[in-house]
Amino acid sequence: MTEEKKETLSFEERLQSVQNLAERIESGKLSLEDSVREYEEGMKILAGLDQELKEMNRRLTVLRDGKETEVDDPDL
């Protein structure tokens, strides 16, 4: 999956792509090299999803604490 394509997919679509990668690896039909490549791709996607979740959590915390005007402040 290219970086540009990752940008256009929703969170849920990217999560589904990781699940699909895992299923392909678990099928046992891939070579070791292909399995490792798929694993690496899945880990990259998961890292991006994790970062996105952290950002959403930060934004929700700011909103919950009544600091709506500071939502765009990256230092929060």
C-alpha atoms as a PDB file:
ATOM      1  CA  MET A   1       0.000   0.000   0.000  1.00  0.00           C
ATOM      2  CA  THR A   2       1.508   3.313  -1.032  1.00  0.00           C
ATOM      3  CA  GLU A   3       1.749   6.313   1.290  1.00  0.00           C
ATOM      4  CA  GLU A   4      -0.696   8.238  -0.905  1.00  0.00           C
ATOM      5  CA  LYS A   5      -3.257   5.446  -0.751  1.00  0.00           C
ATOM      6  CA  LYS A   6      -2.914   5.264   3.055  1.00  0.00           C
ATOM      7  CA  GLU A   7      -3.774   8.942   3.250  1.00  0.00           C
ATOM      8  CA  THR A   8      -7.068   8.452   1.404  1.00  0.00           C
ATOM      9  CA  LEU A   9      -8.267   5.381   3.323  1.00  0.00           C
ATOM     10  CA  SER A  10     -10.361   5.746   6.445  1.00  0.00           C
ATOM     11  CA  PHE A  11      -9.159   4.475   9.800  1.00  0.00           C
ATOM     12  CA  GLU A  12     -11.490   1.501   9.486  1.00  0.00           C
ATOM     13  CA  GLU A  13     -10.291   0.676   5.971  1.00  0.00           C
ATOM     14  CA  ARG A  14      -6.665   0.742   7.089  1.00  0.00           C
ATOM     15  CA  LEU A  15      -7.509  -1.487  10.057  1.00  0.00           C
ATOM     16  CA  GLN A  16      -9.254  -3.908   7.698  1.00  0.00           C
ATOM     17  CA  SER A  17      -6.160  -3.958   5.470  1.00  0.00           C
ATOM     18  CA  VAL A  18      -4.064  -5.021   8.483  1.00  0.00           C
ATOM     19  CA  GLN A  19      -6.563  -7.774   9.225  1.00  0.00           C
ATOM     20  CA  ASN A  20      -6.317  -8.909   5.603  1.00  0.00           C
ATOM     21  CA  LEU A  21      -2.519  -8.936   5.814  1.00  0.00           C
ATOM     22  CA  ALA A  22      -2.685 -11.054   8.965  1.00  0.00           C
ATOM     23  CA  GLU A  23      -5.035 -13.526   7.295  1.00  0.00           C
ATOM     24  CA  ARG A  24      -2.689 -13.876   4.321  1.00  0.00           C
ATOM     25  CA  ILE A  25       0.272 -14.493   6.619  1.00  0.00           C
ATOM     26  CA  GLU A  26      -1.676 -16.990   8.749  1.00  0.00           C
ATOM     27  CA  SER A  27      -2.848 -18.885   5.665  1.00  0.00           C
ATOM     28  CA  GLY A  28       0.627 -20.351   5.296  1.00  0.00           C
ATOM     29  CA  LYS A  29       0.515 -19.894   1.532  1.00  0.00           C
ATOM     30  CA  LEU A  30       3.119 -17.113   1.404  1.00  0.00           C
ATOM     31  CA  SER A  31       6.850 -17.618   1.218  1.00  0.00           C
ATOM     32  CA  LEU A  32       8.871 -16.580   4.258  1.00  0.00           C
ATOM     33  CA  GLU A  33      10.079 -13.480   2.428  1.00  0.00           C
ATOM     34  CA  ASP A  34       6.547 -12.481   1.435  1.00  0.00           C
ATOM     35  CA  SER A  35       5.307 -13.133   4.969  1.00  0.00           C
ATOM     36  CA  VAL A  36       7.973 -10.853   6.397  1.00  0.00           C
ATOM     37  CA  ARG A  37       7.152  -8.181   3.813  1.00  0.00           C
ATOM     38  CA  GLU A  38       3.443  -8.379   4.680  1.00  0.00           C
ATOM     39  CA  TYR A  39       4.281  -8.247   8.402  1.00  0.00           C
ATOM     40  CA  GLU A  40       6.414  -5.135   7.915  1.00  0.00           C
ATOM     41  CA  GLU A  41       3.627  -3.460   5.940  1.00  0.00           C
ATOM     42  CA  GLY A  42       1.115  -4.304   8.656  1.00  0.00           C
ATOM     43  CA  MET A  43       3.376  -2.899  11.357  1.00  0.00           C
ATOM     44  CA  LYS A  44       3.777   0.366   9.428  1.00  0.00           C
ATOM     45  CA  ILE A  45       0.023   0.712   9.063  1.00  0.00           C
ATOM     46  CA  LEU A  46      -0.512  -0.124  12.743  1.00  0.00           C
ATOM     47  CA  ALA A  47       2.030   2.511  13.780  1.00  0.00           C
ATOM     48  CA  GLY A  48       0.085   5.120  11.812  1.00  0.00           C
ATOM     49  CA  LEU A  49      -3.197   3.968  13.321  1.00  0.00           C
ATOM     50  CA  ASP A  50      -1.690   4.121  16.803  1.00  0.00           C
ATOM     51  CA  GLN A  51      -0.493   7.673  16.196  1.00  0.00           C
ATOM     52  CA  GLU A  52      -3.933   8.657  14.932  1.00  0.00           C
ATOM     53  CA  LEU A  53      -5.590   7.167  18.026  1.00  0.00           C
ATOM     54  CA  LYS A  54      -3.206   9.063  20.295  1.00  0.00           C
ATOM     55  CA  GLU A  55      -4.026  12.311  18.492  1.00  0.00           C
ATOM     56  CA  MET A  56      -7.767  11.691  18.765  1.00  0.00           C
ATOM     57  CA  ASN A  57      -7.392  10.903  22.459  1.00  0.00           C
ATOM     58  CA  ARG A  58      -5.479  14.159  22.960  1.00  0.00           C
ATOM     59  CA  ARG A  59      -8.173  16.121  21.162  1.00  0.00           C
ATOM     60  CA  LEU A  60     -10.943  14.494  23.184  1.00  0.00           C
ATOM     61  CA  THR A  61      -9.081  15.188  26.413  1.00  0.00           C
ATOM     62  CA  VAL A  62      -8.759  18.844  25.480  1.00  0.00           C
ATOM     63  CA  LEU A  63     -12.449  19.045  24.661  1.00  0.00           C
ATOM     64  CA  ARG A  64     -13.416  17.235  27.848  1.00  0.00           C
ATOM     65  CA  ASP A  65     -11.341  19.637  29.925  1.00  0.00           C
ATOM     66  CA  GLY A  66     -13.140  22.620  28.363  1.00  0.00           C
ATOM     67  CA  LYS A  67     -10.176  23.933  26.392  1.00  0.00           C
ATOM     68  CA  GLU A  68     -11.801  23.870  22.966  1.00  0.00           C
ATOM     69  CA  THR A  69      -9.852  26.909  21.770  1.00  0.00           C
ATOM     70  CA  GLU A  70      -6.562  25.030  22.273  1.00  0.00           C
ATOM     71  CA  VAL A  71      -7.432  21.932  20.249  1.00  0.00           C
ATOM     72  CA  ASP A  72      -5.017  22.848  17.459  1.00  0.00           C
ATOM     73  CA  ASP A  73      -2.121  23.448  19.867  1.00  0.00           C
ATOM     74  CA  PRO A  74       0.387  20.592  19.172  1.00  0.00           C
ATOM     75  CA  ASP A  75       1.993  21.080  22.603  1.00  0.00           C
ATOM     76  CA  LEU A  76      -1.035  19.804  24.513  1.00  0.00           C
END
